[in-house]
Protein backbone atom coordinates (compact mmCIF):
# COMPACT_ATOMS: atom_id res chain seq x y z
CA MET A 1 143.88 -27.48 22.85
CA ASN A 2 147.28 -25.84 22.93
CA ASP A 3 148.20 -22.71 24.95
CA TYR A 4 148.30 -20.40 21.96
CA SER A 5 144.74 -21.06 20.81
CA LYS A 6 143.52 -20.94 24.40
CA ARG A 7 145.04 -17.45 24.94
CA ARG A 8 143.70 -16.19 21.66
CA SER A 9 140.16 -17.30 22.36
CA ASP A 10 140.26 -15.78 25.86
CA SER A 11 140.89 -12.25 24.58
CA GLY A 12 137.88 -10.04 23.91
CA PRO A 13 137.25 -7.77 20.94
CA TRP A 14 140.18 -5.65 19.67
CA TYR A 15 138.72 -2.37 20.86
CA ARG A 16 138.87 -3.56 24.45
CA GLU A 17 142.63 -3.95 24.25
CA PRO A 18 144.81 -0.92 25.21
CA TRP A 19 147.49 -1.40 22.52
CA PRO A 20 145.47 -0.44 19.43
CA TRP A 21 144.34 2.75 21.16
CA LEU A 22 147.89 3.66 22.12
CA VAL A 23 149.06 3.10 18.53
CA MET A 24 146.23 5.30 17.18
CA LEU A 25 146.83 8.05 19.75
CA GLY A 26 149.89 9.51 17.95
CA PRO A 27 148.22 10.05 14.54
CA ALA A 28 145.06 11.37 16.24
CA VAL A 29 147.07 14.02 18.12
CA VAL A 30 148.79 15.06 14.88
CA VAL A 31 145.43 15.44 13.08
CA VAL A 32 143.97 17.56 15.91
CA ALA A 33 147.09 19.75 16.02
CA GLY A 34 146.93 20.23 12.23
CA LEU A 35 143.27 21.27 12.38
CA PHE A 36 144.03 23.72 15.20
CA THR A 37 146.94 25.21 13.23
CA ALA A 38 144.73 25.63 10.15
CA TYR A 39 142.10 27.34 12.32
CA LEU A 40 144.67 29.78 13.72
CA ALA A 41 146.01 30.55 10.23
CA VAL A 42 142.54 31.45 8.97
CA VAL A 43 141.26 33.36 12.01
CA THR A 44 144.24 35.41 13.23
CA ASN A 45 145.68 38.54 11.62
CA ASP A 46 149.31 38.68 10.55
CA GLY A 47 150.19 42.26 11.49
CA LEU A 48 153.62 42.06 9.89
CA VAL A 49 152.34 41.69 6.33
CA GLU A 50 151.07 44.84 4.63
CA ASP A 51 148.22 44.63 2.15
CA ASP A 52 149.58 47.44 -0.02
CA TYR A 53 153.24 46.39 -0.07
CA TYR A 54 153.59 47.33 -3.73
CA LYS A 55 152.43 50.91 -3.11
CA GLN A 56 154.75 51.12 -0.11
CA GLY A 57 157.64 50.06 -2.31
CA LEU A 58 156.80 52.78 -4.82
CA ALA A 59 156.68 55.36 -2.02
CA ILE A 60 160.34 54.77 -1.11
CA ASN A 61 161.53 57.30 -3.73
CA GLN A 62 159.11 59.89 -2.37
CA ARG A 63 160.39 59.30 1.20
CA THR A 64 163.97 59.64 -0.03
CA ALA A 65 163.15 62.99 -1.65
CA ARG A 66 161.46 64.23 1.55
CA ASP A 67 164.46 63.09 3.59
CA GLN A 68 166.79 64.95 1.20
CA HIS A 69 164.64 68.09 1.52
CA ALA A 70 164.94 67.89 5.35
CA ALA A 71 168.71 67.59 4.97
CA ASP A 72 168.78 70.62 2.63
CA LEU A 73 166.85 72.68 5.21
CA GLY A 74 169.12 71.46 8.02
CA ILE A 75 166.18 70.22 10.05
CA VAL A 76 167.02 68.46 13.32
CA ALA A 77 164.53 67.45 16.01
CA ASP A 78 165.02 66.47 19.64
CA LEU A 79 162.14 64.54 21.23
CA VAL A 80 161.63 64.19 24.99
CA LEU A 81 158.83 62.47 26.89
CA GLY A 82 157.37 64.34 29.86
CA GLY A 83 154.80 63.92 32.59
CA ALA A 84 154.00 60.26 33.16
CA GLY A 85 155.12 59.48 29.63
CA ASP A 86 151.88 60.91 28.23
CA ARG A 87 153.32 64.19 26.89
CA ILE A 88 155.97 64.77 24.28
CA ARG A 89 158.01 67.89 23.60
CA VAL A 90 159.92 68.42 20.36
CA LEU A 91 162.63 71.00 19.79
CA LEU A 92 162.93 71.66 16.04
CA ARG A 93 165.97 73.43 14.58
CA ALA A 94 166.77 74.37 10.97
CA HIS A 95 169.12 76.56 8.94
CA PRO A 96 168.69 80.30 9.59
CA GLY A 97 165.87 81.78 7.51
CA THR A 98 163.92 78.51 7.34
CA ARG A 99 160.31 79.09 8.35
CA LEU A 100 159.13 76.53 10.92
CA PRO A 101 155.55 75.25 10.61
CA GLU A 102 152.77 76.00 13.12
CA ALA A 103 152.21 72.28 13.70
CA LEU A 104 153.97 68.97 13.16
CA ALA A 105 152.62 65.50 12.47
CA LEU A 106 154.15 62.73 14.59
CA ARG A 107 153.56 59.07 13.77
CA ILE A 108 154.59 56.49 16.36
CA THR A 109 154.41 52.91 15.09
CA HIS A 110 155.25 49.64 16.79
CA PRO A 111 157.20 47.11 14.70
CA THR A 112 154.73 44.28 15.35
CA ARG A 113 151.57 45.61 17.09
CA THR A 114 149.73 47.83 14.62
CA GLY A 115 146.88 48.38 17.09
CA SER A 116 149.25 50.38 19.32
CA ASP A 117 150.24 52.93 16.64
CA GLN A 118 149.56 56.63 17.30
CA SER A 119 149.28 59.75 15.13
CA ILE A 120 149.69 63.00 17.03
CA THR A 121 149.51 66.65 15.99
CA LEU A 122 152.12 68.72 17.80
CA ARG A 123 151.33 72.43 18.27
CA ALA A 124 154.01 75.14 18.20
CA GLU A 125 154.71 76.90 21.50
CA GLY A 126 157.30 79.28 20.04
CA GLY A 127 161.03 79.15 19.62
CA GLY A 128 160.91 75.86 17.70
CA VAL A 129 159.26 74.01 20.62
CA TYR A 130 156.26 71.79 19.88
CA MET A 131 154.05 69.97 22.38
CA GLY A 132 151.51 67.13 22.21
CA THR A 133 149.84 64.41 24.27
CA LEU A 134 150.00 60.69 23.62
CA LEU A 135 149.37 57.31 25.19
CA PRO A 136 152.30 56.17 27.37
CA LEU A 137 155.04 54.35 25.45
CA HIS A 138 157.16 51.38 26.49
CA GLY A 139 159.60 49.36 24.40
CA ARG A 140 160.83 50.00 20.88
CA TRP A 141 159.00 52.31 18.44
CA ARG A 142 159.47 53.72 14.94
CA ILE A 143 159.13 57.51 14.93
CA ALA A 144 158.27 59.67 11.90
CA LEU A 145 158.07 63.47 12.18
CA GLU A 146 156.90 65.63 9.27
CA ASP A 147 155.48 69.01 8.38
CA PRO A 148 151.74 69.29 7.59
CA GLN A 149 152.43 69.77 3.85
CA GLN A 150 154.52 66.57 3.84
CA GLU A 151 157.49 68.30 2.22
CA TRP A 152 160.11 66.89 4.61
CA LEU A 153 160.36 63.86 6.90
CA LEU A 154 162.58 62.80 9.79
CA ALA A 155 162.46 59.18 10.96
CA GLY A 156 164.21 56.95 13.45
CA ASP A 157 163.87 54.21 16.05
CA TRP A 158 163.34 54.97 19.72
CA GLU A 159 163.85 52.46 22.51
CA ILE A 160 162.10 54.30 25.32
CA GLU A 161 163.70 52.56 28.34
CA LYS A 162 167.24 52.92 26.96
CA GLN A 163 167.01 56.47 25.56
CA PRO A 164 165.44 59.27 27.63
CA ALA A 165 165.50 61.51 24.53
CA LEU A 166 165.72 60.97 20.79
CA SER A 167 167.52 63.14 18.26
CA LEU A 168 166.27 62.89 14.67
CA THR A 169 168.30 64.08 11.69
CA ALA A 170 167.78 63.47 8.01
CA SER A 171 169.49 60.24 6.97
CA ALA A 172 170.58 62.00 3.75
CA ALA A 173 172.58 64.44 5.92
CA GLN A 174 174.15 61.51 7.77
CA ARG A 175 175.10 59.84 4.46
CA SER A 176 176.68 63.02 3.09
CA SER A 177 178.61 63.70 6.33
CA GLY A 178 179.72 60.06 6.35
CA ASN A 179 181.05 60.46 2.81
CA ASN A 180 182.95 63.63 3.79
CA GLU A 181 184.74 61.86 6.63
CA ARG A 182 186.40 59.36 4.29
């Protein structure tokens, strides 16, 4: 008998050899990773995608009109956190003769974590000062301030660690003043 046939007959069954298992390991890992990815896609929530995106798109014109109304009234708001970051004070100013509301609605939304969003009612303390309590904030937030009748709206972004206070003005007022500077 030659050496080749002797070596071949000495080897056991294929599944006792390490090489077939090493060759099959790569595709097996890919299959397991694919199944895990499919599981994550089905089970987890994508907080960045809104269910009612079409209605939100239609509401853009309404927001623009409310922003324009805030600009017409000359409404400006300065927001400051107080205490341990659990209180907020708002100073609201407007053109002379504009009646300020008894309360304001403040929405604080996080760009990616919808579970951290807050809606707060701010009560008037007199002289255009409003006060409310909230959960402490850290990082970047989207702020929306409006009257209870939802006639006007001020909005902006607030990066808490970089800005100790936030000044909100109507973006329509900023656009018109930007056009006047040209």
